[in-house]
Amino acid sequence: MANILDIKQRLSTRIRKRRKEAKITQAELAERSGVSLGSVKRFEGIGEISLINLLRIASVLGYENDFEKLFERKNYQSIDEIINAK
């Protein structure tokens, strides 16, 4: 099982990469998302951010739909559970 701190760091690293690919500065991301510059910097640095601010940032970068799929998958224990879920 992945360590939560590792997940936070990988997520913030991916967001930073997507921001840079979009050629958006931290200040521009803050302005467009309505998230404070300090929060953007803290998130990219140590992975700390509120859920609402993460959603705002994801929206600016075009990844808001990824959250729609979060926790969607169910881990089935048997073929019967799969059949009955439909």
N, C-alpha and C. Protein backbone atom coordinates (compact mmCIF):
# COMPACT_ATOMS: atom_id res chain seq x y z
N MET A 1 0.85 -1.19 0.00
CA MET A 1 0.00 0.00 0.00
C MET A 1 0.89 1.25 0.00
N ALA A 2 0.53 2.17 -0.83
CA ALA A 2 1.34 3.39 -0.98
C ALA A 2 1.23 4.26 0.26
N ASN A 3 2.31 4.86 0.61
CA ASN A 3 2.37 5.79 1.73
C ASN A 3 1.66 7.08 1.33
N ILE A 4 0.83 7.61 2.20
CA ILE A 4 0.07 8.83 1.90
C ILE A 4 0.99 10.00 1.55
N LEU A 5 2.10 10.11 2.24
CA LEU A 5 3.03 11.20 1.94
C LEU A 5 3.61 11.05 0.54
N ASP A 6 3.86 9.83 0.12
CA ASP A 6 4.36 9.59 -1.23
C ASP A 6 3.30 9.98 -2.27
N ILE A 7 2.06 9.64 -2.00
CA ILE A 7 0.97 9.97 -2.92
C ILE A 7 0.85 11.48 -3.06
N LYS A 8 0.88 12.19 -1.93
CA LYS A 8 0.81 13.66 -1.97
C LYS A 8 1.92 14.24 -2.82
N GLN A 9 3.12 13.73 -2.64
CA GLN A 9 4.27 14.25 -3.38
C GLN A 9 4.16 13.95 -4.86
N ARG A 10 3.73 12.74 -5.22
CA ARG A 10 3.59 12.40 -6.64
C ARG A 10 2.49 13.24 -7.29
N LEU A 11 1.40 13.46 -6.57
CA LEU A 11 0.31 14.27 -7.10
C LEU A 11 0.76 15.71 -7.33
N SER A 12 1.43 16.28 -6.35
CA SER A 12 1.87 17.67 -6.51
C SER A 12 2.92 17.78 -7.62
N THR A 13 3.74 16.77 -7.78
CA THR A 13 4.73 16.77 -8.87
C THR A 13 4.04 16.71 -10.23
N ARG A 14 3.00 15.87 -10.35
CA ARG A 14 2.27 15.79 -11.62
C ARG A 14 1.56 17.10 -11.94
N ILE A 15 0.96 17.71 -10.94
CA ILE A 15 0.28 19.00 -11.16
C ILE A 15 1.29 20.05 -11.63
N ARG A 16 2.43 20.10 -10.98
CA ARG A 16 3.47 21.07 -11.37
C ARG A 16 3.89 20.83 -12.82
N LYS A 17 4.07 19.56 -13.21
CA LYS A 17 4.44 19.23 -14.59
C LYS A 17 3.35 19.68 -15.57
N ARG A 18 2.09 19.41 -15.24
CA ARG A 18 0.98 19.82 -16.12
C ARG A 18 0.93 21.34 -16.23
N ARG A 19 1.17 22.04 -15.14
CA ARG A 19 1.17 23.51 -15.16
C ARG A 19 2.27 24.02 -16.08
N LYS A 20 3.44 23.45 -15.95
CA LYS A 20 4.57 23.89 -16.77
C LYS A 20 4.34 23.54 -18.25
N GLU A 21 3.77 22.38 -18.52
CA GLU A 21 3.45 22.01 -19.90
C GLU A 21 2.48 23.02 -20.52
N ALA A 22 1.57 23.54 -19.68
CA ALA A 22 0.60 24.53 -20.15
C ALA A 22 1.21 25.93 -20.20
N LYS A 23 2.47 26.04 -19.81
CA LYS A 23 3.19 27.32 -19.80
C LYS A 23 2.47 28.37 -18.94
N ILE A 24 2.06 27.92 -17.75
CA ILE A 24 1.38 28.78 -16.78
C ILE A 24 2.28 28.93 -15.56
N THR A 25 2.50 30.14 -15.13
CA THR A 25 3.29 30.35 -13.92
C THR A 25 2.42 30.05 -12.70
N GLN A 26 3.06 29.91 -11.56
CA GLN A 26 2.32 29.71 -10.32
C GLN A 26 1.37 30.89 -10.08
N ALA A 27 1.84 32.10 -10.35
CA ALA A 27 1.01 33.28 -10.15
C ALA A 27 -0.21 33.27 -11.08
N GLU A 28 -0.01 32.87 -12.33
CA GLU A 28 -1.13 32.79 -13.27
C GLU A 28 -2.13 31.72 -12.84
N LEU A 29 -1.61 30.58 -12.37
CA LEU A 29 -2.49 29.51 -11.91
C LEU A 29 -3.31 29.99 -10.71
N ALA A 30 -2.66 30.70 -9.82
CA ALA A 30 -3.36 31.23 -8.65
C ALA A 30 -4.47 32.19 -9.08
N GLU A 31 -4.15 33.08 -9.98
CA GLU A 31 -5.13 34.07 -10.44
C GLU A 31 -6.30 33.40 -11.16
N ARG A 32 -6.00 32.49 -12.07
CA ARG A 32 -7.06 31.83 -12.85
C ARG A 32 -7.96 30.94 -11.99
N SER A 33 -7.37 30.32 -10.97
CA SER A 33 -8.12 29.36 -10.15
C SER A 33 -8.80 29.99 -8.95
N GLY A 34 -8.33 31.18 -8.56
CA GLY A 34 -8.86 31.79 -7.35
C GLY A 34 -8.24 31.23 -6.08
N VAL A 35 -7.16 30.48 -6.25
CA VAL A 35 -6.41 29.91 -5.13
C VAL A 35 -5.26 30.85 -4.84
N SER A 36 -4.98 31.11 -3.58
CA SER A 36 -3.90 32.04 -3.26
C SER A 36 -2.56 31.51 -3.78
N LEU A 37 -1.68 32.43 -4.11
CA LEU A 37 -0.35 32.05 -4.59
C LEU A 37 0.37 31.22 -3.53
N GLY A 38 0.22 31.59 -2.28
CA GLY A 38 0.85 30.83 -1.19
C GLY A 38 0.37 29.39 -1.17
N SER A 39 -0.92 29.17 -1.41
CA SER A 39 -1.47 27.81 -1.42
C SER A 39 -0.94 27.02 -2.61
N VAL A 40 -0.81 27.67 -3.76
CA VAL A 40 -0.26 26.99 -4.93
C VAL A 40 1.19 26.58 -4.65
N LYS A 41 1.96 27.49 -4.10
CA LYS A 41 3.37 27.19 -3.79
C LYS A 41 3.48 26.08 -2.75
N ARG A 42 2.65 26.13 -1.71
CA ARG A 42 2.68 25.10 -0.67
C ARG A 42 2.32 23.74 -1.26
N PHE A 43 1.31 23.72 -2.12
CA PHE A 43 0.90 22.46 -2.73
C PHE A 43 2.02 21.88 -3.59
N GLU A 44 2.58 22.70 -4.44
CA GLU A 44 3.66 22.20 -5.30
C GLU A 44 4.89 21.82 -4.50
N GLY A 45 5.07 22.44 -3.36
CA GLY A 45 6.24 22.15 -2.54
C GLY A 45 6.08 20.92 -1.66
N ILE A 46 4.98 20.86 -0.91
CA ILE A 46 4.83 19.77 0.06
C ILE A 46 3.54 18.97 -0.10
N GLY A 47 2.73 19.32 -1.08
CA GLY A 47 1.53 18.54 -1.35
C GLY A 47 0.35 18.85 -0.47
N GLU A 48 0.40 19.93 0.29
CA GLU A 48 -0.70 20.30 1.19
C GLU A 48 -1.65 21.25 0.48
N ILE A 49 -2.96 20.88 0.44
CA ILE A 49 -3.96 21.73 -0.20
C ILE A 49 -5.34 21.24 0.22
N SER A 50 -6.30 22.15 0.23
CA SER A 50 -7.67 21.74 0.52
C SER A 50 -8.27 21.09 -0.73
N LEU A 51 -9.29 20.31 -0.54
CA LEU A 51 -9.92 19.64 -1.67
C LEU A 51 -10.50 20.66 -2.65
N ILE A 52 -11.19 21.67 -2.16
CA ILE A 52 -11.79 22.67 -3.06
C ILE A 52 -10.72 23.36 -3.90
N ASN A 53 -9.58 23.68 -3.29
CA ASN A 53 -8.51 24.34 -4.05
C ASN A 53 -7.87 23.39 -5.05
N LEU A 54 -7.76 22.12 -4.70
CA LEU A 54 -7.25 21.13 -5.65
C LEU A 54 -8.19 21.02 -6.84
N LEU A 55 -9.48 21.02 -6.59
CA LEU A 55 -10.46 20.96 -7.68
C LEU A 55 -10.38 22.21 -8.56
N ARG A 56 -10.17 23.36 -7.96
CA ARG A 56 -10.05 24.60 -8.74
C ARG A 56 -8.83 24.56 -9.64
N ILE A 57 -7.72 24.09 -9.10
CA ILE A 57 -6.49 23.99 -9.88
C ILE A 57 -6.66 22.98 -11.00
N ALA A 58 -7.24 21.83 -10.68
CA ALA A 58 -7.47 20.79 -11.69
C ALA A 58 -8.34 21.33 -12.81
N SER A 59 -9.32 22.14 -12.48
CA SER A 59 -10.22 22.70 -13.48
C SER A 59 -9.46 23.62 -14.44
N VAL A 60 -8.62 24.45 -13.92
CA VAL A 60 -7.83 25.36 -14.76
C VAL A 60 -6.93 24.56 -15.71
N LEU A 61 -6.39 23.46 -15.23
CA LEU A 61 -5.48 22.65 -16.03
C LEU A 61 -6.21 21.65 -16.93
N GLY A 62 -7.54 21.57 -16.80
CA GLY A 62 -8.33 20.69 -17.65
C GLY A 62 -8.46 19.26 -17.15
N TYR A 63 -8.28 19.05 -15.85
CA TYR A 63 -8.32 17.70 -15.29
C TYR A 63 -9.46 17.50 -14.29
N GLU A 64 -10.45 18.38 -14.31
CA GLU A 64 -11.55 18.27 -13.35
C GLU A 64 -12.34 16.98 -13.51
N ASN A 65 -12.44 16.47 -14.73
CA ASN A 65 -13.20 15.24 -14.97
C ASN A 65 -12.55 14.02 -14.35
N ASP A 66 -11.24 14.09 -14.09
CA ASP A 66 -10.57 12.96 -13.45
C ASP A 66 -11.15 12.69 -12.06
N PHE A 67 -11.65 13.72 -11.41
CA PHE A 67 -12.21 13.54 -10.07
C PHE A 67 -13.56 12.84 -10.13
N GLU A 68 -14.23 12.93 -11.26
CA GLU A 68 -15.52 12.24 -11.41
C GLU A 68 -15.34 10.73 -11.32
N LYS A 69 -14.18 10.24 -11.69
CA LYS A 69 -13.91 8.81 -11.71
C LYS A 69 -13.33 8.30 -10.39
N LEU A 70 -12.92 9.19 -9.52
CA LEU A 70 -12.29 8.81 -8.27
C LEU A 70 -13.23 7.97 -7.42
N PHE A 71 -12.78 6.85 -6.96
CA PHE A 71 -13.53 5.91 -6.13
C PHE A 71 -14.69 5.25 -6.87
N GLU A 72 -14.74 5.38 -8.17
CA GLU A 72 -15.82 4.80 -8.96
C GLU A 72 -15.72 3.28 -9.02
N ARG A 73 -14.53 2.79 -9.15
CA ARG A 73 -14.30 1.36 -9.30
C ARG A 73 -14.56 0.62 -7.99
N LYS A 74 -15.21 -0.50 -8.09
CA LYS A 74 -15.44 -1.33 -6.92
C LYS A 74 -14.56 -2.57 -7.06
N ASN A 75 -13.95 -2.97 -5.98
CA ASN A 75 -13.16 -4.20 -5.98
C ASN A 75 -14.09 -5.37 -5.66
N TYR A 76 -14.40 -6.13 -6.68
CA TYR A 76 -15.32 -7.24 -6.53
C TYR A 76 -14.62 -8.45 -5.91
N GLN A 77 -15.37 -9.18 -5.12
CA GLN A 77 -14.83 -10.36 -4.46
C GLN A 77 -15.16 -11.65 -5.23
N SER A 78 -16.19 -11.58 -6.09
CA SER A 78 -16.58 -12.78 -6.84
C SER A 78 -17.24 -12.37 -8.15
N ILE A 79 -17.38 -13.34 -9.02
CA ILE A 79 -18.06 -13.10 -10.29
C ILE A 79 -19.53 -12.78 -10.05
N ASP A 80 -20.12 -13.33 -9.01
CA ASP A 80 -21.51 -13.04 -8.67
C ASP A 80 -21.70 -11.56 -8.34
N GLU A 81 -20.76 -10.97 -7.63
CA GLU A 81 -20.86 -9.55 -7.32
C GLU A 81 -20.82 -8.71 -8.58
N ILE A 82 -20.01 -9.10 -9.54
CA ILE A 82 -19.93 -8.38 -10.81
C ILE A 82 -21.27 -8.46 -11.55
N ILE A 83 -21.81 -9.65 -11.61
CA ILE A 83 -23.07 -9.86 -12.31
C ILE A 83 -24.19 -9.08 -11.63
N ASN A 84 -24.25 -9.14 -10.32
CA ASN A 84 -25.31 -8.46 -9.56
C ASN A 84 -25.18 -6.95 -9.56
N ALA A 85 -24.01 -6.43 -9.84
CA ALA A 85 -23.79 -4.98 -9.83
C ALA A 85 -24.37 -4.32 -11.07
N LYS A 86 -24.60 -5.07 -12.12
CA LYS A 86 -25.09 -4.50 -13.38
C LYS A 86 -26.54 -4.19 -13.36
